C-alpha atoms as a PDB file:
ATOM      1  CA  MET A   1      44.612  72.006  62.413  1.00  0.00           C
ATOM      2  CA  GLY A   2      46.264  72.700  59.023  1.00  0.00           C
ATOM      3  CA  THR A   3      46.675  70.317  56.152  1.00  0.00           C
ATOM      4  CA  GLU A   4      46.776  66.576  56.610  1.00  0.00           C
ATOM      5  CA  ALA A   5      50.117  64.715  56.754  1.00  0.00           C
ATOM      6  CA  TRP A   6      49.365  62.703  53.604  1.00  0.00           C
ATOM      7  CA  THR A   7      49.455  65.918  51.554  1.00  0.00           C
ATOM      8  CA  ARG A   8      52.788  67.033  53.005  1.00  0.00           C
ATOM      9  CA  LYS A   9      56.332  65.714  52.775  1.00  0.00           C
ATOM     10  CA  GLU A  10      56.185  64.147  56.257  1.00  0.00           C
ATOM     11  CA  GLY A  11      53.439  61.755  55.149  1.00  0.00           C
ATOM     12  CA  GLN A  12      55.174  60.681  51.949  1.00  0.00           C
ATOM     13  CA  ASN A  13      57.659  57.860  51.696  1.00  0.00           C
ATOM     14  CA  PRO A  14      60.873  59.033  49.964  1.00  0.00           C
ATOM     15  CA  GLU A  15      60.868  55.738  48.030  1.00  0.00           C
ATOM     16  CA  GLY A  16      57.332  56.308  46.715  1.00  0.00           C
ATOM     17  CA  GLY A  17      53.766  56.312  47.993  1.00  0.00           C
ATOM     18  CA  LEU A  18      52.722  57.197  51.513  1.00  0.00           C
ATOM     19  CA  ASN A  19      54.382  56.139  54.725  1.00  0.00           C
ATOM     20  CA  ALA A  20      52.423  54.767  57.702  1.00  0.00           C
ATOM     21  CA  ARG A  21      51.811  58.272  59.068  1.00  0.00           C
ATOM     22  CA  GLY A  22      50.474  59.447  55.704  1.00  0.00           C
ATOM     23  CA  ARG A  23      48.117  56.451  55.386  1.00  0.00           C
ATOM     24  CA  ARG A  24      46.834  56.992  58.940  1.00  0.00           C
ATOM     25  CA  SER A  25      46.273  60.680  58.207  1.00  0.00           C
ATOM     26  CA  TYR A  26      44.380  59.903  54.967  1.00  0.00           C
ATOM     27  CA  ASN A  27      42.218  57.294  56.690  1.00  0.00           C
ATOM     28  CA  ARG A  28      41.285  59.749  59.467  1.00  0.00           C
ATOM     29  CA  ALA A  29      40.463  62.483  56.941  1.00  0.00           C
ATOM     30  CA  ASN A  30      38.227  60.166  54.859  1.00  0.00           C
ATOM     31  CA  PRO A  31      36.250  58.031  57.339  1.00  0.00           C
ATOM     32  CA  GLY A  32      33.584  56.929  54.833  1.00  0.00           C
ATOM     33  CA  LYS A  33      36.114  55.431  52.413  1.00  0.00           C
ATOM     34  CA  PRO A  34      37.927  52.128  52.831  1.00  0.00           C
ATOM     35  CA  GLY A  35      41.326  52.541  54.446  1.00  0.00           C
ATOM     36  CA  LEU A  36      44.548  52.747  52.473  1.00  0.00           C
ATOM     37  CA  LYS A  37      46.833  49.749  52.801  1.00  0.00           C
ATOM     38  CA  PRO A  38      50.610  49.599  52.357  1.00  0.00           C
ATOM     39  CA  PRO A  39      52.078  48.654  48.952  1.00  0.00           C
ATOM     40  CA  VAL A  40      52.435  45.004  47.952  1.00  0.00           C
ATOM     41  CA  SER A  41      55.783  43.927  46.507  1.00  0.00           C
ATOM     42  CA  ALA A  42      56.139  40.986  44.130  1.00  0.00           C
ATOM     43  CA  ARG A  43      57.569  38.867  46.949  1.00  0.00           C
ATOM     44  CA  GLN A  44      54.597  39.586  49.216  1.00  0.00           C
ATOM     45  CA  ALA A  45      52.177  38.913  46.353  1.00  0.00           C
ATOM     46  CA  LYS A  46      53.454  35.333  46.062  1.00  0.00           C
ATOM     47  CA  LYS A  47      52.210  34.630  49.594  1.00  0.00           C
ATOM     48  CA  SER A  48      48.621  35.764  49.066  1.00  0.00           C
ATOM     49  CA  PRO A  49      46.374  35.576  45.984  1.00  0.00           C
ATOM     50  CA  LYS A  50      44.344  38.502  47.323  1.00  0.00           C
ATOM     51  CA  ASP A  51      47.466  40.679  47.583  1.00  0.00           C
ATOM     52  CA  ALA A  52      48.615  39.496  44.151  1.00  0.00           C
ATOM     53  CA  ALA A  53      45.307  40.612  42.610  1.00  0.00           C
ATOM     54  CA  ARG A  54      45.556  43.974  44.378  1.00  0.00           C
ATOM     55  CA  ARG A  55      49.099  44.475  43.091  1.00  0.00           C
ATOM     56  CA  LYS A  56      48.150  43.487  39.536  1.00  0.00           C
ATOM     57  CA  SER A  57      45.232  45.927  39.590  1.00  0.00           C
ATOM     58  CA  PHE A  58      47.350  48.771  40.974  1.00  0.00           C
ATOM     59  CA  CYS A  59      50.114  48.245  38.420  1.00  0.00           C
ATOM     60  CA  ALA A  60      47.687  48.153  35.492  1.00  0.00           C
ATOM     61  CA  ARG A  61      45.888  51.285  36.697  1.00  0.00           C
ATOM     62  CA  MET A  62      49.064  53.268  37.379  1.00  0.00           C
ATOM     63  CA  MET A  63      50.799  52.252  34.148  1.00  0.00           C
ATOM     64  CA  GLY A  64      47.759  53.500  32.235  1.00  0.00           C
ATOM     65  CA  HIS A  65      47.762  56.722  34.240  1.00  0.00           C
ATOM     66  CA  LYS A  66      51.478  57.196  33.559  1.00  0.00           C
ATOM     67  CA  ARG A  67      51.007  56.588  29.839  1.00  0.00           C
ATOM     68  CA  ARG A  68      48.045  58.956  29.436  1.00  0.00           C
ATOM     69  CA  ASN A  69      48.434  61.673  32.042  1.00  0.00           C
ATOM     70  CA  THR A  70      52.122  62.450  32.447  1.00  0.00           C
ATOM     71  CA  SER A  71      54.484  64.448  30.290  1.00  0.00           C
ATOM     72  CA  ALA A  72      57.441  62.744  28.623  1.00  0.00           C
ATOM     73  CA  LYS A  73      59.729  64.515  31.082  1.00  0.00           C
ATOM     74  CA  THR A  74      57.845  63.197  34.131  1.00  0.00           C
ATOM     75  CA  ALA A  75      57.441  59.711  32.653  1.00  0.00           C
ATOM     76  CA  ASN A  76      61.213  59.403  32.187  1.00  0.00           C
ATOM     77  CA  ASP A  77      62.215  61.025  35.492  1.00  0.00           C
ATOM     78  CA  PRO A  78      63.257  58.315  37.991  1.00  0.00           C
ATOM     79  CA  ASN A  79      62.483  60.683  40.886  1.00  0.00           C
ATOM     80  CA  SER A  80      58.892  61.465  39.881  1.00  0.00           C
ATOM     81  CA  ARG A  81      56.262  60.352  42.403  1.00  0.00           C
ATOM     82  CA  ILE A  82      54.569  58.024  39.912  1.00  0.00           C
ATOM     83  CA  ASN A  83      57.824  56.227  39.032  1.00  0.00           C
ATOM     84  CA  LYS A  84      58.729  55.879  42.687  1.00  0.00           C
ATOM     85  CA  ALA A  85      55.333  54.356  43.448  1.00  0.00           C
ATOM     86  CA  LEU A  86      55.631  51.925  40.536  1.00  0.00           C
ATOM     87  CA  ARG A  87      59.073  50.841  41.792  1.00  0.00           C
ATOM     88  CA  LYS A  88      57.737  50.380  45.315  1.00  0.00           C
ATOM     89  CA  TRP A  89      55.035  48.039  43.988  1.00  0.00           C
ATOM     90  CA  ASP A  90      57.561  46.220  41.709  1.00  0.00           C
ATOM     91  CA  CYS A  91      55.568  47.128  38.591  1.00  0.00           C
END
């Protein structure tokens, strides 16, 4: 079977986060956990308070992670996975 798509390049979105195939792969590999959902942009968040709360929570969590757990080089690299994910979520 090999490794799941979400851990490989084919399951990752080049713009940050996972693509649909990666999310599907993760959800199949972890059936007891709630499923991963696609990112919420600022424009989408305006349409739904639930999505807005999810986006706010994600941004706060990831900004803290970036501040505490990444090197200065990674934090300033526009092509790092964390910075791509933050851009995708409009953080």
